[in-house]
């Protein structure tokens, strides 16, 4: 039975200045997707997957030289069932250019 798996790289970005609050006090973390890959695997199948950074991710990595990203692997739900979280990990990427 095939299952669809989505691999996602995201990073937290802090934004300031929300309506009704003081800009210097209020900070909120917002997730930014930096790369995504979707594959379909059959029962018992294993495959090495590469998730590449998109243009925004490469720009952030070049500016900061070190970027903390969060890897998430999610299996699509069957029928009306919700997606199932398979793996979550924190990864540090370094730019050597």
C-alpha atoms as a PDB file:
ATOM      1  CA  UNK A   1       0.000   0.000   0.000  1.00  0.00           C
ATOM      2  CA  UNK A   2       1.609   3.315  -1.019  1.00  0.00           C
ATOM      3  CA  UNK A   3       1.868   6.210   1.404  1.00  0.00           C
ATOM      4  CA  UNK A   4       2.696   9.843   0.685  1.00  0.00           C
ATOM      5  CA  UNK A   5       5.413  11.382   2.853  1.00  0.00           C
ATOM      6  CA  UNK A   6       6.246  15.102   2.973  1.00  0.00           C
ATOM      7  CA  UNK A   7       9.678  16.269   4.133  1.00  0.00           C
ATOM      8  CA  UNK A   8       9.920  19.898   5.243  1.00  0.00           C
ATOM      9  CA  UNK A   9      12.730  22.254   6.314  1.00  0.00           C
ATOM     10  CA  UNK A  10      11.612  25.337   8.224  1.00  0.00           C
ATOM     11  CA  UNK A  11      13.172  28.047  10.350  1.00  0.00           C
ATOM     12  CA  UNK A  12      11.835  30.345  13.044  1.00  0.00           C
ATOM     13  CA  UNK A  13      11.859  34.039  12.286  1.00  0.00           C
ATOM     14  CA  UNK A  14      10.975  36.661  14.878  1.00  0.00           C
ATOM     15  CA  UNK A  15       8.807  39.596  13.853  1.00  0.00           C
ATOM     16  CA  UNK A  16       7.976  42.709  15.873  1.00  0.00           C
ATOM     17  CA  UNK A  17       5.244  45.298  15.954  1.00  0.00           C
ATOM     18  CA  UNK A  18       1.770  43.825  16.160  1.00  0.00           C
ATOM     19  CA  UNK A  19      -1.401  45.937  16.245  1.00  0.00           C
ATOM     20  CA  UNK A  20      -2.283  47.172  19.729  1.00  0.00           C
ATOM     21  CA  UNK A  21       1.124  46.392  21.243  1.00  0.00           C
ATOM     22  CA  UNK A  22       4.390  48.201  21.720  1.00  0.00           C
ATOM     23  CA  UNK A  23       6.816  47.262  18.928  1.00  0.00           C
ATOM     24  CA  UNK A  24       9.816  47.036  21.240  1.00  0.00           C
ATOM     25  CA  UNK A  25       8.042  44.642  23.633  1.00  0.00           C
ATOM     26  CA  UNK A  26       6.082  42.358  21.329  1.00  0.00           C
ATOM     27  CA  UNK A  27       7.917  39.632  19.413  1.00  0.00           C
ATOM     28  CA  UNK A  28       6.313  36.651  17.771  1.00  0.00           C
ATOM     29  CA  UNK A  29       7.982  33.595  16.239  1.00  0.00           C
ATOM     30  CA  UNK A  30       6.826  32.842  12.704  1.00  0.00           C
ATOM     31  CA  UNK A  31       7.703  29.666  10.805  1.00  0.00           C
ATOM     32  CA  UNK A  32       9.257  30.076   7.361  1.00  0.00           C
ATOM     33  CA  UNK A  33       9.395  27.082   4.990  1.00  0.00           C
ATOM     34  CA  UNK A  34      12.845  26.851   3.382  1.00  0.00           C
ATOM     35  CA  UNK A  35      12.575  23.561   1.497  1.00  0.00           C
ATOM     36  CA  UNK A  36      10.045  20.850   0.750  1.00  0.00           C
ATOM     37  CA  UNK A  37      10.015  17.429  -0.922  1.00  0.00           C
ATOM     38  CA  UNK A  38       7.161  14.944  -1.274  1.00  0.00           C
ATOM     39  CA  UNK A  39       7.582  11.255  -2.178  1.00  0.00           C
ATOM     40  CA  UNK A  40       5.388   8.173  -2.345  1.00  0.00           C
ATOM     41  CA  UNK A  41       6.760   4.994  -0.783  1.00  0.00           C
ATOM     42  CA  UNK A  42       5.342   1.479  -0.856  1.00  0.00           C
ATOM     43  CA  UNK A  43       5.187  -0.793   2.197  1.00  0.00           C
ATOM     44  CA  UNK A  44       8.659  -1.768   3.426  1.00  0.00           C
ATOM     45  CA  UNK A  45      10.416   0.497   0.912  1.00  0.00           C
ATOM     46  CA  UNK A  46      13.328   2.735   1.987  1.00  0.00           C
ATOM     47  CA  UNK A  47      14.826   5.570   0.016  1.00  0.00           C
ATOM     48  CA  UNK A  48      17.409   8.292   0.642  1.00  0.00           C
ATOM     49  CA  UNK A  49      15.730  11.679   0.238  1.00  0.00           C
ATOM     50  CA  UNK A  50      17.440  15.032  -0.359  1.00  0.00           C
ATOM     51  CA  UNK A  51      15.640  18.225   0.630  1.00  0.00           C
ATOM     52  CA  UNK A  52      17.212  21.271  -1.017  1.00  0.00           C
ATOM     53  CA  UNK A  53      16.974  24.795   0.358  1.00  0.00           C
ATOM     54  CA  UNK A  54      14.955  27.201  -1.765  1.00  0.00           C
ATOM     55  CA  UNK A  55      16.219  30.669  -2.770  1.00  0.00           C
ATOM     56  CA  UNK A  56      15.074  32.283   0.492  1.00  0.00           C
ATOM     57  CA  UNK A  57      16.814  29.571   2.524  1.00  0.00           C
ATOM     58  CA  UNK A  58      20.079  29.969   0.620  1.00  0.00           C
ATOM     59  CA  UNK A  59      19.917  33.748   1.064  1.00  0.00           C
ATOM     60  CA  UNK A  60      19.405  33.390   4.834  1.00  0.00           C
ATOM     61  CA  UNK A  61      22.256  30.861   5.077  1.00  0.00           C
ATOM     62  CA  UNK A  62      24.659  33.112   3.153  1.00  0.00           C
ATOM     63  CA  UNK A  63      23.773  36.126   5.311  1.00  0.00           C
ATOM     64  CA  UNK A  64      24.028  34.364   8.676  1.00  0.00           C
ATOM     65  CA  UNK A  65      26.677  31.689   7.786  1.00  0.00           C
ATOM     66  CA  UNK A  66      24.909  29.404  10.294  1.00  0.00           C
ATOM     67  CA  UNK A  67      21.214  28.578  10.155  1.00  0.00           C
ATOM     68  CA  UNK A  68      19.132  26.489  12.557  1.00  0.00           C
ATOM     69  CA  UNK A  69      16.381  24.643  10.674  1.00  0.00           C
ATOM     70  CA  UNK A  70      13.725  22.203  11.789  1.00  0.00           C
ATOM     71  CA  UNK A  71      13.228  19.003   9.790  1.00  0.00           C
ATOM     72  CA  UNK A  72       9.729  17.507   9.779  1.00  0.00           C
ATOM     73  CA  UNK A  73       8.591  14.269   8.095  1.00  0.00           C
ATOM     74  CA  UNK A  74       4.819  13.820   7.858  1.00  0.00           C
ATOM     75  CA  UNK A  75       2.767  10.969   6.420  1.00  0.00           C
ATOM     76  CA  UNK A  76      -0.416  12.005   4.620  1.00  0.00           C
ATOM     77  CA  UNK A  77      -3.590  10.767   6.277  1.00  0.00           C
ATOM     78  CA  UNK A  78      -5.647   8.067   4.600  1.00  0.00           C
ATOM     79  CA  UNK A  79      -9.222   9.068   3.819  1.00  0.00           C
ATOM     80  CA  UNK A  80     -10.441  11.457   6.486  1.00  0.00           C
ATOM     81  CA  UNK A  81      -7.661  10.740   9.015  1.00  0.00           C
ATOM     82  CA  UNK A  82      -5.273  13.610   9.839  1.00  0.00           C
ATOM     83  CA  UNK A  83      -1.598  13.616   8.773  1.00  0.00           C
ATOM     84  CA  UNK A  84       0.752  11.671  11.070  1.00  0.00           C
ATOM     85  CA  UNK A  85       4.052  13.120  12.307  1.00  0.00           C
ATOM     86  CA  UNK A  86       6.886  10.643  11.631  1.00  0.00           C
ATOM     87  CA  UNK A  87      10.026  12.544  12.617  1.00  0.00           C
ATOM     88  CA  UNK A  88      11.023  15.973  13.875  1.00  0.00           C
ATOM     89  CA  UNK A  89      14.638  17.114  14.294  1.00  0.00           C
ATOM     90  CA  UNK A  90      16.646  20.303  14.759  1.00  0.00           C
ATOM     91  CA  UNK A  91      19.535  20.699  12.284  1.00  0.00           C
ATOM     92  CA  UNK A  92      22.298  23.308  12.141  1.00  0.00           C
ATOM     93  CA  UNK A  93      23.429  24.225   8.607  1.00  0.00           C
ATOM     94  CA  UNK A  94      26.744  26.009   8.013  1.00  0.00           C
ATOM     95  CA  UNK A  95      27.745  27.952   4.896  1.00  0.00           C
ATOM     96  CA  UNK A  96      31.196  27.268   3.485  1.00  0.00           C
ATOM     97  CA  UNK A  97      31.405  29.434   0.425  1.00  0.00           C
END
